């Protein structure tokens, strides 16, 4: 299963343009501003780590509110879309699901695209 990431602007519900992204990715760390969110598709089994700040995780079809503070982690447990929303600004790391790791590095193109957006 290939996982994809989509950076969007919360206020205008549009993909974030490169010029709107002053933050940077470093390795697998993604920094989000308060007015952005990150949508993950096909990321079941992947782990979200809050590196800095607070992140609200919403999984489509799930009534739970999952809020991660710096140092906490959550394993995505639904096959539906997952939305990561910083409550102010936040830094997160996403580790691919163990079942995705042996099948050809699906996350490498996604992370490379994220790095390009933030360059």
PDB file of N, CA and C in Angstrom:
ATOM      1  N   UNK A   1       0.834  -1.170   0.000  1.00  0.00           N
ATOM      2  CA  UNK A   1       0.000   0.000   0.000  1.00  0.00           C
ATOM      3  C   UNK A   1       0.884   1.240   0.000  1.00  0.00           C
ATOM      4  N   UNK A   2       0.644   2.171  -0.900  1.00  0.00           N
ATOM      5  CA  UNK A   2       1.407   3.403  -0.947  1.00  0.00           C
ATOM      6  C   UNK A   2       0.713   4.464  -0.113  1.00  0.00           C
ATOM      7  N   UNK A   3       1.472   5.130   0.735  1.00  0.00           N
ATOM      8  CA  UNK A   3       0.938   6.226   1.532  1.00  0.00           C
ATOM      9  C   UNK A   3       1.310   7.529   0.850  1.00  0.00           C
ATOM     10  N   UNK A   4       0.417   8.501   0.904  1.00  0.00           N
ATOM     11  CA  UNK A   4       0.700   9.810   0.334  1.00  0.00           C
ATOM     12  C   UNK A   4       0.397  10.885   1.353  1.00  0.00           C
ATOM     13  N   UNK A   5       1.078  12.040   1.206  1.00  0.00           N
ATOM     14  CA  UNK A   5       0.857  13.189   2.070  1.00  0.00           C
ATOM     15  C   UNK A   5       0.397  14.352   1.222  1.00  0.00           C
ATOM     16  N   UNK A   6      -0.537  15.136   1.752  1.00  0.00           N
ATOM     17  CA  UNK A   6      -1.015  16.338   1.077  1.00  0.00           C
ATOM     18  C   UNK A   6      -1.011  17.464   2.091  1.00  0.00           C
ATOM     19  N   UNK A   7      -0.205  18.490   1.849  1.00  0.00           N
ATOM     20  CA  UNK A   7      -0.183  19.659   2.712  1.00  0.00           C
ATOM     21  C   UNK A   7      -1.298  20.590   2.267  1.00  0.00           C
ATOM     22  N   UNK A   8      -2.113  21.048   3.187  1.00  0.00           N
ATOM     23  CA  UNK A   8      -3.187  21.966   2.823  1.00  0.00           C
ATOM     24  C   UNK A   8      -3.267  23.128   3.793  1.00  0.00           C
ATOM     25  N   UNK A   9      -3.877  24.195   3.323  1.00  0.00           N
ATOM     26  CA  UNK A   9      -4.130  25.390   4.111  1.00  0.00           C
ATOM     27  C   UNK A   9      -5.498  25.229   4.738  1.00  0.00           C
ATOM     28  N   UNK A  10      -5.581  25.244   6.066  1.00  0.00           N
ATOM     29  CA  UNK A  10      -6.853  24.995   6.756  1.00  0.00           C
ATOM     30  C   UNK A  10      -7.900  26.040   6.431  1.00  0.00           C
ATOM     31  N   UNK A  11      -7.492  27.277   6.283  1.00  0.00           N
ATOM     32  CA  UNK A  11      -8.473  28.347   6.116  1.00  0.00           C
ATOM     33  C   UNK A  11      -9.119  28.346   4.734  1.00  0.00           C
ATOM     34  N   UNK A  12      -8.354  27.986   3.717  1.00  0.00           N
ATOM     35  CA  UNK A  12      -8.877  28.046   2.362  1.00  0.00           C
ATOM     36  C   UNK A  12      -9.072  26.680   1.719  1.00  0.00           C
ATOM     37  N   UNK A  13      -8.769  25.607   2.427  1.00  0.00           N
ATOM     38  CA  UNK A  13      -8.933  24.235   1.927  1.00  0.00           C
ATOM     39  C   UNK A  13      -8.358  24.060   0.533  1.00  0.00           C
ATOM     40  N   UNK A  14      -7.149  24.477   0.381  1.00  0.00           N
ATOM     41  CA  UNK A  14      -6.466  24.325  -0.900  1.00  0.00           C
ATOM     42  C   UNK A  14      -5.082  23.761  -0.653  1.00  0.00           C
ATOM     43  N   UNK A  15      -4.504  23.103  -1.650  1.00  0.00           N
ATOM     44  CA  UNK A  15      -3.127  22.639  -1.470  1.00  0.00           C
ATOM     45  C   UNK A  15      -2.216  23.826  -1.174  1.00  0.00           C
ATOM     46  N   UNK A  16      -1.241  23.611  -0.350  1.00  0.00           N
ATOM     47  CA  UNK A  16      -0.309  24.666   0.017  1.00  0.00           C
ATOM     48  C   UNK A  16       0.705  24.848  -1.101  1.00  0.00           C
ATOM     49  N   UNK A  17       0.914  26.090  -1.495  1.00  0.00           N
ATOM     50  CA  UNK A  17       1.892  26.393  -2.529  1.00  0.00           C
ATOM     51  C   UNK A  17       3.286  26.454  -1.918  1.00  0.00           C
ATOM     52  N   UNK A  18       4.286  26.176  -2.716  1.00  0.00           N
ATOM     53  CA  UNK A  18       5.663  26.173  -2.244  1.00  0.00           C
ATOM     54  C   UNK A  18       6.016  27.492  -1.568  1.00  0.00           C
ATOM     55  N   UNK A  19       5.576  28.612  -2.128  1.00  0.00           N
ATOM     56  CA  UNK A  19       5.932  29.912  -1.569  1.00  0.00           C
ATOM     57  C   UNK A  19       5.228  30.192  -0.233  1.00  0.00           C
ATOM     58  N   UNK A  20       4.210  29.406   0.098  1.00  0.00           N
ATOM     59  CA  UNK A  20       3.510  29.563   1.371  1.00  0.00           C
ATOM     60  C   UNK A  20       4.139  28.742   2.485  1.00  0.00           C
ATOM     61  N   UNK A  21       5.223  28.041   2.204  1.00  0.00           N
ATOM     62  CA  UNK A  21       5.807  27.119   3.173  1.00  0.00           C
ATOM     63  C   UNK A  21       7.176  27.599   3.643  1.00  0.00           C
ATOM     64  N   UNK A  22       7.200  28.432   4.691  1.00  0.00           N
ATOM     65  CA  UNK A  22       8.495  28.885   5.180  1.00  0.00           C
ATOM     66  C   UNK A  22       9.207  27.833   6.013  1.00  0.00           C
ATOM     67  N   UNK A  23       8.476  26.861   6.509  1.00  0.00           N
ATOM     68  CA  UNK A  23       9.075  25.820   7.336  1.00  0.00           C
ATOM     69  C   UNK A  23       9.843  24.840   6.461  1.00  0.00           C
ATOM     70  N   UNK A  24      10.576  23.951   7.106  1.00  0.00           N
ATOM     71  CA  UNK A  24      11.390  22.999   6.345  1.00  0.00           C
ATOM     72  C   UNK A  24      11.240  21.599   6.887  1.00  0.00           C
ATOM     73  N   UNK A  25      11.545  20.646   6.042  1.00  0.00           N
ATOM     74  CA  UNK A  25      11.633  19.271   6.509  1.00  0.00           C
ATOM     75  C   UNK A  25      13.104  18.953   6.687  1.00  0.00           C
ATOM     76  N   UNK A  26      13.415  18.164   7.670  1.00  0.00           N
ATOM     77  CA  UNK A  26      14.784  17.727   7.898  1.00  0.00           C
ATOM     78  C   UNK A  26      14.701  16.240   8.167  1.00  0.00           C
ATOM     79  N   UNK A  27      15.195  15.442   7.240  1.00  0.00           N
ATOM     80  CA  UNK A  27      15.028  13.999   7.365  1.00  0.00           C
ATOM     81  C   UNK A  27      13.549  13.677   7.249  1.00  0.00           C
ATOM     82  N   UNK A  28      13.012  12.994   8.233  1.00  0.00           N
ATOM     83  CA  UNK A  28      11.596  12.649   8.237  1.00  0.00           C
ATOM     84  C   UNK A  28      10.759  13.613   9.053  1.00  0.00           C
ATOM     85  N   UNK A  29      11.335  14.711   9.512  1.00  0.00           N
ATOM     86  CA  UNK A  29      10.598  15.666  10.342  1.00  0.00           C
ATOM     87  C   UNK A  29       9.917  16.698   9.455  1.00  0.00           C
ATOM     88  N   UNK A  30       8.632  16.907   9.699  1.00  0.00           N
ATOM     89  CA  UNK A  30       7.840  17.887   8.963  1.00  0.00           C
ATOM     90  C   UNK A  30       7.389  18.944   9.956  1.00  0.00           C
ATOM     91  N   UNK A  31       7.618  20.204   9.617  1.00  0.00           N
ATOM     92  CA  UNK A  31       7.194  21.316  10.471  1.00  0.00           C
ATOM     93  C   UNK A  31       5.959  21.952   9.854  1.00  0.00           C
ATOM     94  N   UNK A  32       4.932  22.106  10.679  1.00  0.00           N
ATOM     95  CA  UNK A  32       3.677  22.686  10.223  1.00  0.00           C
ATOM     96  C   UNK A  32       3.388  23.970  10.975  1.00  0.00           C
ATOM     97  N   UNK A  33       2.886  24.966  10.260  1.00  0.00           N
ATOM     98  CA  UNK A  33       2.409  26.200  10.886  1.00  0.00           C
ATOM     99  C   UNK A  33       0.986  25.980  11.379  1.00  0.00           C
ATOM    100  N   UNK A  34       0.506  26.910  12.177  1.00  0.00           N
ATOM    101  CA  UNK A  34      -0.840  26.802  12.742  1.00  0.00           C
ATOM    102  C   UNK A  34      -1.924  26.821  11.665  1.00  0.00           C
ATOM    103  N   UNK A  35      -1.656  27.423  10.511  1.00  0.00           N
ATOM    104  CA  UNK A  35      -2.680  27.522   9.468  1.00  0.00           C
ATOM    105  C   UNK A  35      -2.578  26.415   8.421  1.00  0.00           C
ATOM    106  N   UNK A  36      -1.794  25.384   8.701  1.00  0.00           N
ATOM    107  CA  UNK A  36      -1.634  24.274   7.770  1.00  0.00           C
ATOM    108  C   UNK A  36      -2.102  22.975   8.409  1.00  0.00           C
ATOM    109  N   UNK A  37      -2.363  22.003   7.581  1.00  0.00           N
ATOM    110  CA  UNK A  37      -2.520  20.646   8.078  1.00  0.00           C
ATOM    111  C   UNK A  37      -1.975  19.674   7.047  1.00  0.00           C
ATOM    112  N   UNK A  38      -1.823  18.457   7.493  1.00  0.00           N
ATOM    113  CA  UNK A  38      -1.239  17.425   6.645  1.00  0.00           C
ATOM    114  C   UNK A  38      -2.220  16.269   6.570  1.00  0.00           C
ATOM    115  N   UNK A  39      -2.586  15.900   5.359  1.00  0.00           N
ATOM    116  CA  UNK A  39      -3.507  14.783   5.152  1.00  0.00           C
ATOM    117  C   UNK A  39      -2.701  13.580   4.680  1.00  0.00           C
ATOM    118  N   UNK A  40      -2.911  12.449   5.370  1.00  0.00           N
ATOM    119  CA  UNK A  40      -2.247  11.206   4.996  1.00  0.00           C
ATOM    120  C   UNK A  40      -3.272  10.256   4.403  1.00  0.00           C
ATOM    121  N   UNK A  41      -2.913   9.621   3.322  1.00  0.00           N
ATOM    122  CA  UNK A  41      -3.785   8.615   2.703  1.00  0.00           C
ATOM    123  C   UNK A  41      -3.034   7.298   2.661  1.00  0.00           C
ATOM    124  N   UNK A  42      -3.716   6.229   3.048  1.00  0.00           N
ATOM    125  CA  UNK A  42      -3.115   4.906   2.985  1.00  0.00           C
ATOM    126  C   UNK A  42      -1.984   4.713   3.972  1.00  0.00           C
ATOM    127  N   UNK A  43      -2.078   5.350   5.119  1.00  0.00           N
ATOM    128  CA  UNK A  43      -0.967   5.325   6.079  1.00  0.00           C
ATOM    129  C   UNK A  43      -1.214   4.397   7.266  1.00  0.00           C
ATOM    130  N   UNK A  44      -2.194   3.490   7.164  1.00  0.00           N
ATOM    131  CA  UNK A  44      -2.479   2.595   8.289  1.00  0.00           C
ATOM    132  C   UNK A  44      -1.210   1.874   8.737  1.00  0.00           C
ATOM    133  N   UNK A  45      -0.996   1.831  10.047  1.00  0.00           N
ATOM    134  CA  UNK A  45       0.174   1.191  10.611  1.00  0.00           C
ATOM    135  C   UNK A  45       1.372   2.106  10.756  1.00  0.00           C
ATOM    136  N   UNK A  46       1.316   3.282  10.132  1.00  0.00           N
ATOM    137  CA  UNK A  46       2.410   4.245  10.273  1.00  0.00           C
ATOM    138  C   UNK A  46       2.327   4.909  11.644  1.00  0.00           C
ATOM    139  N   UNK A  47       3.467   5.353  12.141  1.00  0.00           N
ATOM    140  CA  UNK A  47       3.519   5.981  13.455  1.00  0.00           C
ATOM    141  C   UNK A  47       3.796   7.469  13.308  1.00  0.00           C
ATOM    142  N   UNK A  48       2.979   8.277  13.978  1.00  0.00           N
ATOM    143  CA  UNK A  48       3.159   9.726  14.019  1.00  0.00           C
ATOM    144  C   UNK A  48       3.789  10.063  15.367  1.00  0.00           C
ATOM    145  N   UNK A  49       4.918  10.750  15.331  1.00  0.00           N
ATOM    146  CA  UNK A  49       5.615  11.175  16.547  1.00  0.00           C
ATOM    147  C   UNK A  49       5.544  12.698  16.629  1.00  0.00           C
ATOM    148  N   UNK A  50       5.082  13.225  17.751  1.00  0.00           N
ATOM    149  CA  UNK A  50       5.106  14.672  17.976  1.00  0.00           C
ATOM    150  C   UNK A  50       6.499  15.028  18.495  1.00  0.00           C
ATOM    151  N   UNK A  51       7.234  15.789  17.722  1.00  0.00           N
ATOM    152  CA  UNK A  51       8.587  16.190  18.086  1.00  0.00           C
ATOM    153  C   UNK A  51       8.546  17.493  18.888  1.00  0.00           C
ATOM    154  N   UNK A  52       7.717  18.414  18.449  1.00  0.00           N
ATOM    155  CA  UNK A  52       7.586  19.712  19.102  1.00  0.00           C
ATOM    156  C   UNK A  52       6.158  20.196  18.911  1.00  0.00           C
ATOM    157  N   UNK A  53       5.602  20.852  19.895  1.00  0.00           N
ATOM    158  CA  UNK A  53       4.251  21.379  19.796  1.00  0.00           C
ATOM    159  C   UNK A  53       3.200  20.315  20.074  1.00  0.00           C
ATOM    160  N   UNK A  54       1.967  20.629  19.692  1.00  0.00           N
ATOM    161  CA  UNK A  54       0.830  19.743  19.919  1.00  0.00           C
ATOM    162  C   UNK A  54       0.134  19.483  18.586  1.00  0.00           C
ATOM    163  N   UNK A  55      -0.205  18.224  18.331  1.00  0.00           N
ATOM    164  CA  UNK A  55      -0.832  17.826  17.071  1.00  0.00           C
ATOM    165  C   UNK A  55      -2.147  17.103  17.364  1.00  0.00           C
ATOM    166  N   UNK A  56      -3.193  17.519  16.672  1.00  0.00           N
ATOM    167  CA  UNK A  56      -4.502  16.878  16.771  1.00  0.00           C
ATOM    168  C   UNK A  56      -4.614  15.941  15.577  1.00  0.00           C
ATOM    169  N   UNK A  57      -4.923  14.678  15.843  1.00  0.00           N
ATOM    170  CA  UNK A  57      -5.047  13.674  14.784  1.00  0.00           C
ATOM    171  C   UNK A  57      -6.509  13.279  14.644  1.00  0.00           C
ATOM    172  N   UNK A  58      -7.014  13.364  13.426  1.00  0.00           N
ATOM    173  CA  UNK A  58      -8.381  12.963  13.121  1.00  0.00           C
ATOM    174  C   UNK A  58      -8.329  11.908  12.022  1.00  0.00           C
ATOM    175  N   UNK A  59      -8.941  10.758  12.274  1.00  0.00           N
ATOM    176  CA  UNK A  59      -9.036   9.712  11.260  1.00  0.00           C
ATOM    177  C   UNK A  59     -10.479   9.670  10.773  1.00  0.00           C
ATOM    178  N   UNK A  60     -10.665   9.665   9.468  1.00  0.00           N
ATOM    179  CA  UNK A  60     -12.011   9.636   8.898  1.00  0.00           C
ATOM    180  C   UNK A  60     -12.783   8.434   9.436  1.00  0.00           C
ATOM    181  N   UNK A  61     -13.983   8.687   9.961  1.00  0.00           N
ATOM    182  CA  UNK A  61     -14.829   7.626  10.482  1.00  0.00           C
ATOM    183  C   UNK A  61     -14.543   7.256  11.928  1.00  0.00           C
ATOM    184  N   UNK A  62     -13.662   7.983  12.583  1.00  0.00           N
ATOM    185  CA  UNK A  62     -13.273   7.687  13.961  1.00  0.00           C
ATOM    186  C   UNK A  62     -13.770   8.825  14.853  1.00  0.00           C
ATOM    187  N   UNK A  63     -14.497   8.490  15.914  1.00  0.00           N
ATOM    188  CA  UNK A  63     -15.044   9.537  16.791  1.00  0.00           C
ATOM    189  C   UNK A  63     -14.037  10.030  17.831  1.00  0.00           C
ATOM    190  N   UNK A  64     -12.896   9.368  17.929  1.00  0.00           N
ATOM    191  CA  UNK A  64     -11.898   9.780  18.917  1.00  0.00           C
ATOM    192  C   UNK A  64     -11.214  11.078  18.517  1.00  0.00           C
ATOM    193  N   UNK A  65     -10.830  11.841  19.524  1.00  0.00           N
ATOM    194  CA  UNK A  65      -9.925  12.968  19.354  1.00  0.00           C
ATOM    195  C   UNK A  65      -8.582  12.505  19.886  1.00  0.00           C
ATOM    196  N   UNK A  66      -7.584  12.473  19.033  1.00  0.00           N
ATOM    197  CA  UNK A  66      -6.253  12.060  19.441  1.00  0.00           C
ATOM    198  C   UNK A  66      -5.389  13.307  19.430  1.00  0.00           C
ATOM    199  N   UNK A  67      -4.844  13.650  20.583  1.00  0.00           N
ATOM    200  CA  UNK A  67      -3.996  14.836  20.706  1.00  0.00           C
ATOM    201  C   UNK A  67      -2.641  14.391  21.241  1.00  0.00           C
ATOM    202  N   UNK A  68      -1.609  14.700  20.473  1.00  0.00           N
ATOM    203  CA  UNK A  68      -0.250  14.343  20.866  1.00  0.00           C
ATOM    204  C   UNK A  68       0.510  15.588  21.297  1.00  0.00           C
ATOM    205  N   UNK A  69       1.167  15.481  22.434  1.00  0.00           N
ATOM    206  CA  UNK A  69       2.098  16.507  22.900  1.00  0.00           C
ATOM    207  C   UNK A  69       3.499  16.055  22.503  1.00  0.00           C
ATOM    208  N   UNK A  70       4.451  16.972  22.565  1.00  0.00           N
ATOM    209  CA  UNK A  70       5.843  16.629  22.236  1.00  0.00           C
ATOM    210  C   UNK A  70       6.281  15.402  23.029  1.00  0.00           C
ATOM    211  N   UNK A  71       6.863  14.434  22.330  1.00  0.00           N
ATOM    212  CA  UNK A  71       7.339  13.210  22.951  1.00  0.00           C
ATOM    213  C   UNK A  71       6.360  12.046  22.877  1.00  0.00           C
ATOM    214  N   UNK A  72       5.118  12.307  22.467  1.00  0.00           N
ATOM    215  CA  UNK A  72       4.123  11.239  22.364  1.00  0.00           C
ATOM    216  C   UNK A  72       4.024  10.742  20.923  1.00  0.00           C
ATOM    217  N   UNK A  73       3.494   9.521  20.762  1.00  0.00           N
ATOM    218  CA  UNK A  73       3.344   8.903  19.442  1.00  0.00           C
ATOM    219  C   UNK A  73       1.990   8.240  19.326  1.00  0.00           C
ATOM    220  N   UNK A  74       1.565   8.017  18.088  1.00  0.00           N
ATOM    221  CA  UNK A  74       0.308   7.330  17.808  1.00  0.00           C
ATOM    222  C   UNK A  74       0.478   6.516  16.536  1.00  0.00           C
ATOM    223  N   UNK A  75      -0.006   5.269  16.559  1.00  0.00           N
ATOM    224  CA  UNK A  75       0.007   4.421  15.359  1.00  0.00           C
ATOM    225  C   UNK A  75      -1.344   4.559  14.676  1.00  0.00           C
ATOM    226  N   UNK A  76      -1.331   4.948  13.421  1.00  0.00           N
ATOM    227  CA  UNK A  76      -2.571   5.116  12.650  1.00  0.00           C
ATOM    228  C   UNK A  76      -3.216   3.744  12.506  1.00  0.00           C
ATOM    229  N   UNK A  77      -4.464   3.629  12.983  1.00  0.00           N
ATOM    230  CA  UNK A  77      -5.105   2.318  13.051  1.00  0.00           C
ATOM    231  C   UNK A  77      -6.332   2.187  12.160  1.00  0.00           C
ATOM    232  N   UNK A  78      -6.478   3.082  11.207  1.00  0.00           N
ATOM    233  CA  UNK A  78      -7.598   2.998  10.261  1.00  0.00           C
ATOM    234  C   UNK A  78      -7.080   3.173   8.839  1.00  0.00           C
ATOM    235  N   UNK A  79      -7.727   2.515   7.874  1.00  0.00           N
ATOM    236  CA  UNK A  79      -7.282   2.650   6.491  1.00  0.00           C
ATOM    237  C   UNK A  79      -7.757   3.946   5.832  1.00  0.00           C
ATOM    238  N   UNK A  80      -8.621   4.686   6.513  1.00  0.00           N
ATOM    239  CA  UNK A  80      -9.174   5.918   5.946  1.00  0.00           C
ATOM    240  C   UNK A  80      -8.161   7.061   6.021  1.00  0.00           C
ATOM    241  N   UNK A  81      -8.520   8.195   5.417  1.00  0.00           N
ATOM    242  CA  UNK A  81      -7.650   9.370   5.459  1.00  0.00           C
ATOM    243  C   UNK A  81      -7.430   9.814   6.899  1.00  0.00           C
ATOM    244  N   UNK A  82      -6.251  10.335   7.156  1.00  0.00           N
ATOM    245  CA  UNK A  82      -5.880  10.839   8.473  1.00  0.00           C
ATOM    246  C   UNK A  82      -5.437  12.281   8.314  1.00  0.00           C
ATOM    247  N   UNK A  83      -5.946  13.154   9.183  1.00  0.00           N
ATOM    248  CA  UNK A  83      -5.624  14.573   9.138  1.00  0.00           C
ATOM    249  C   UNK A  83      -4.810  14.934  10.372  1.00  0.00           C
ATOM    250  N   UNK A  84      -3.647  15.560  10.163  1.00  0.00           N
ATOM    251  CA  UNK A  84      -2.789  16.014  11.245  1.00  0.00           C
ATOM    252  C   UNK A  84      -2.855  17.532  11.285  1.00  0.00           C
ATOM    253  N   UNK A  85      -3.308  18.072  12.408  1.00  0.00           N
ATOM    254  CA  UNK A  85      -3.507  19.509  12.545  1.00  0.00           C
ATOM    255  C   UNK A  85      -2.724  20.021  13.749  1.00  0.00           C
ATOM    256  N   UNK A  86      -1.791  20.948  13.543  1.00  0.00           N
ATOM    257  CA  UNK A  86      -1.084  21.516  14.686  1.00  0.00           C
ATOM    258  C   UNK A  86      -2.012  22.482  15.426  1.00  0.00           C
ATOM    259  N   UNK A  87      -1.941  22.479  16.759  1.00  0.00           N
ATOM    260  CA  UNK A  87      -2.775  23.407  17.515  1.00  0.00           C
ATOM    261  C   UNK A  87      -2.152  24.794  17.546  1.00  0.00           C
ATOM    262  N   UNK A  88      -0.886  24.896  17.341  1.00  0.00           N
ATOM    263  CA  UNK A  88      -0.195  26.165  17.125  1.00  0.00           C
ATOM    264  C   UNK A  88       0.758  25.896  15.982  1.00  0.00           C
ATOM    265  N   UNK A  89       2.009  25.709  16.244  1.00  0.00           N
ATOM    266  CA  UNK A  89       2.934  25.186  15.240  1.00  0.00           C
ATOM    267  C   UNK A  89       3.507  23.915  15.827  1.00  0.00           C
ATOM    268  N   UNK A  90       3.916  23.020  14.954  1.00  0.00           N
ATOM    269  CA  UNK A  90       4.365  21.717  15.444  1.00  0.00           C
ATOM    270  C   UNK A  90       5.380  21.104  14.489  1.00  0.00           C
ATOM    271  N   UNK A  91       6.162  20.201  15.043  1.00  0.00           N
ATOM    272  CA  UNK A  91       7.075  19.380  14.246  1.00  0.00           C
ATOM    273  C   UNK A  91       6.696  17.927  14.513  1.00  0.00           C
ATOM    274  N   UNK A  92       6.564  17.165  13.435  1.00  0.00           N
ATOM    275  CA  UNK A  92       6.184  15.761  13.565  1.00  0.00           C
ATOM    276  C   UNK A  92       7.144  14.904  12.749  1.00  0.00           C
ATOM    277  N   UNK A  93       7.222  13.637  13.106  1.00  0.00           N
ATOM    278  CA  UNK A  93       7.953  12.652  12.308  1.00  0.00           C
ATOM    279  C   UNK A  93       6.985  11.520  12.024  1.00  0.00           C
ATOM    280  N   UNK A  94       6.999  11.028  10.807  1.00  0.00           N
ATOM    281  CA  UNK A  94       6.120   9.929  10.417  1.00  0.00           C
ATOM    282  C   UNK A  94       6.996   8.761   9.994  1.00  0.00           C
ATOM    283  N   UNK A  95       6.836   7.648  10.695  1.00  0.00           N
ATOM    284  CA  UNK A  95       7.554   6.422  10.338  1.00  0.00           C
ATOM    285  C   UNK A  95       6.584   5.499   9.615  1.00  0.00           C
ATOM    286  N   UNK A  96       7.007   4.997   8.473  1.00  0.00           N
ATOM    287  CA  UNK A  96       6.159   4.095   7.685  1.00  0.00           C
ATOM    288  C   UNK A  96       5.821   2.847   8.487  1.00  0.00           C
ATOM    289  N   UNK A  97       4.686   2.265   8.169  1.00  0.00           N
ATOM    290  CA  UNK A  97       4.259   1.021   8.808  1.00  0.00           C
ATOM    291  C   UNK A  97       5.291  -0.063   8.544  1.00  0.00           C
ATOM    292  N   UNK A  98       5.524  -0.933   9.519  1.00  0.00           N
ATOM    293  CA  UNK A  98       6.490  -2.019   9.310  1.00  0.00           C
ATOM    294  C   UNK A  98       6.190  -2.833   8.049  1.00  0.00           C
ATOM    295  N   UNK A  99       4.919  -3.017   7.734  1.00  0.00           N
ATOM    296  CA  UNK A  99       4.566  -3.792   6.542  1.00  0.00           C
ATOM    297  C   UNK A  99       4.916  -3.062   5.262  1.00  0.00           C
ATOM    298  N   UNK A 100       5.104  -1.738   5.323  1.00  0.00           N
ATOM    299  CA  UNK A 100       5.455  -0.977   4.130  1.00  0.00           C
ATOM    300  C   UNK A 100       6.964  -0.922   3.914  1.00  0.00           C
ATOM    301  N   UNK A 101       7.743  -1.063   4.953  1.00  0.00           N
ATOM    302  CA  UNK A 101       9.193  -0.897   4.844  1.00  0.00           C
ATOM    303  C   UNK A 101       9.857  -1.879   3.893  1.00  0.00           C
ATOM    304  N   UNK A 102       9.504  -3.180   3.911  1.00  0.00           N
ATOM    305  CA  UNK A 102      10.225  -4.095   3.024  1.00  0.00           C
ATOM    306  C   UNK A 102       9.816  -3.999   1.552  1.00  0.00           C
ATOM    307  N   UNK A 103       8.754  -3.305   1.226  1.00  0.00           N
ATOM    308  CA  UNK A 103       8.226  -3.336  -0.127  1.00  0.00           C
ATOM    309  C   UNK A 103       8.642  -2.153  -0.992  1.00  0.00           C
ATOM    310  N   UNK A 104       9.872  -1.713  -0.877  1.00  0.00           N
ATOM    311  CA  UNK A 104      10.366  -0.746  -1.853  1.00  0.00           C
ATOM    312  C   UNK A 104      10.384   0.696  -1.435  1.00  0.00           C
ATOM    313  N   UNK A 105      10.400   0.989  -0.172  1.00  0.00           N
ATOM    314  CA  UNK A 105      10.584   2.364   0.296  1.00  0.00           C
ATOM    315  C   UNK A 105       9.509   3.316  -0.206  1.00  0.00           C
ATOM    316  N   UNK A 106       8.256   3.005   0.031  1.00  0.00           N
ATOM    317  CA  UNK A 106       7.160   3.846  -0.441  1.00  0.00           C
ATOM    318  C   UNK A 106       7.242   5.288   0.069  1.00  0.00           C
ATOM    319  N   UNK A 107       7.814   5.473   1.249  1.00  0.00           N
ATOM    320  CA  UNK A 107       7.845   6.821   1.829  1.00  0.00           C
ATOM    321  C   UNK A 107       8.918   7.692   1.202  1.00  0.00           C
ATOM    322  N   UNK A 108       9.935   7.136   0.569  1.00  0.00           N
ATOM    323  CA  UNK A 108      11.023   7.958   0.054  1.00  0.00           C
ATOM    324  C   UNK A 108      10.539   9.000  -0.962  1.00  0.00           C
ATOM    325  N   UNK A 109       9.698   8.653  -1.944  1.00  0.00           N
ATOM    326  CA  UNK A 109       9.226   9.684  -2.869  1.00  0.00           C
ATOM    327  C   UNK A 109       8.356  10.726  -2.172  1.00  0.00           C
ATOM    328  N   UNK A 110       7.587  10.308  -1.191  1.00  0.00           N
ATOM    329  CA  UNK A 110       6.725  11.231  -0.464  1.00  0.00           C
ATOM    330  C   UNK A 110       7.570  12.229   0.315  1.00  0.00           C
ATOM    331  N   UNK A 111       8.561  11.738   1.029  1.00  0.00           N
ATOM    332  CA  UNK A 111       9.419  12.626   1.805  1.00  0.00           C
ATOM    333  C   UNK A 111      10.256  13.519   0.889  1.00  0.00           C
ATOM    334  N   UNK A 112      10.698  12.994  -0.237  1.00  0.00           N
ATOM    335  CA  UNK A 112      11.452  13.817  -1.188  1.00  0.00           C
ATOM    336  C   UNK A 112      10.574  14.947  -1.718  1.00  0.00           C
ATOM    337  N   UNK A 113       9.312  14.648  -2.000  1.00  0.00           N
ATOM    338  CA  UNK A 113       8.389  15.693  -2.463  1.00  0.00           C
ATOM    339  C   UNK A 113       8.166  16.734  -1.370  1.00  0.00           C
ATOM    340  N   UNK A 114       8.037  16.295  -0.127  1.00  0.00           N
ATOM    341  CA  UNK A 114       7.861  17.229   0.982  1.00  0.00           C
ATOM    342  C   UNK A 114       9.071  18.123   1.131  1.00  0.00           C
ATOM    343  N   UNK A 115      10.285  17.534   0.994  1.00  0.00           N
ATOM    344  CA  UNK A 115      11.495  18.338   1.094  1.00  0.00           C
ATOM    345  C   UNK A 115      11.552  19.370  -0.031  1.00  0.00           C
ATOM    346  N   UNK A 116      11.107  18.984  -1.222  1.00  0.00           N
ATOM    347  CA  UNK A 116      11.100  19.908  -2.347  1.00  0.00           C
ATOM    348  C   UNK A 116      10.143  21.069  -2.095  1.00  0.00           C
ATOM    349  N   UNK A 117       8.981  20.776  -1.529  1.00  0.00           N
ATOM    350  CA  UNK A 117       8.021  21.832  -1.216  1.00  0.00           C
ATOM    351  C   UNK A 117       8.591  22.853  -0.255  1.00  0.00           C
ATOM    352  N   UNK A 118       9.407  22.390   0.685  1.00  0.00           N
ATOM    353  CA  UNK A 118       9.921  23.271   1.717  1.00  0.00           C
ATOM    354  C   UNK A 118      11.272  23.882   1.384  1.00  0.00           C
ATOM    355  N   UNK A 119      11.846  23.522   0.245  1.00  0.00           N
ATOM    356  CA  UNK A 119      13.186  24.009  -0.095  1.00  0.00           C
ATOM    357  C   UNK A 119      13.179  25.496  -0.389  1.00  0.00           C
TER     358      UNK A 119
END
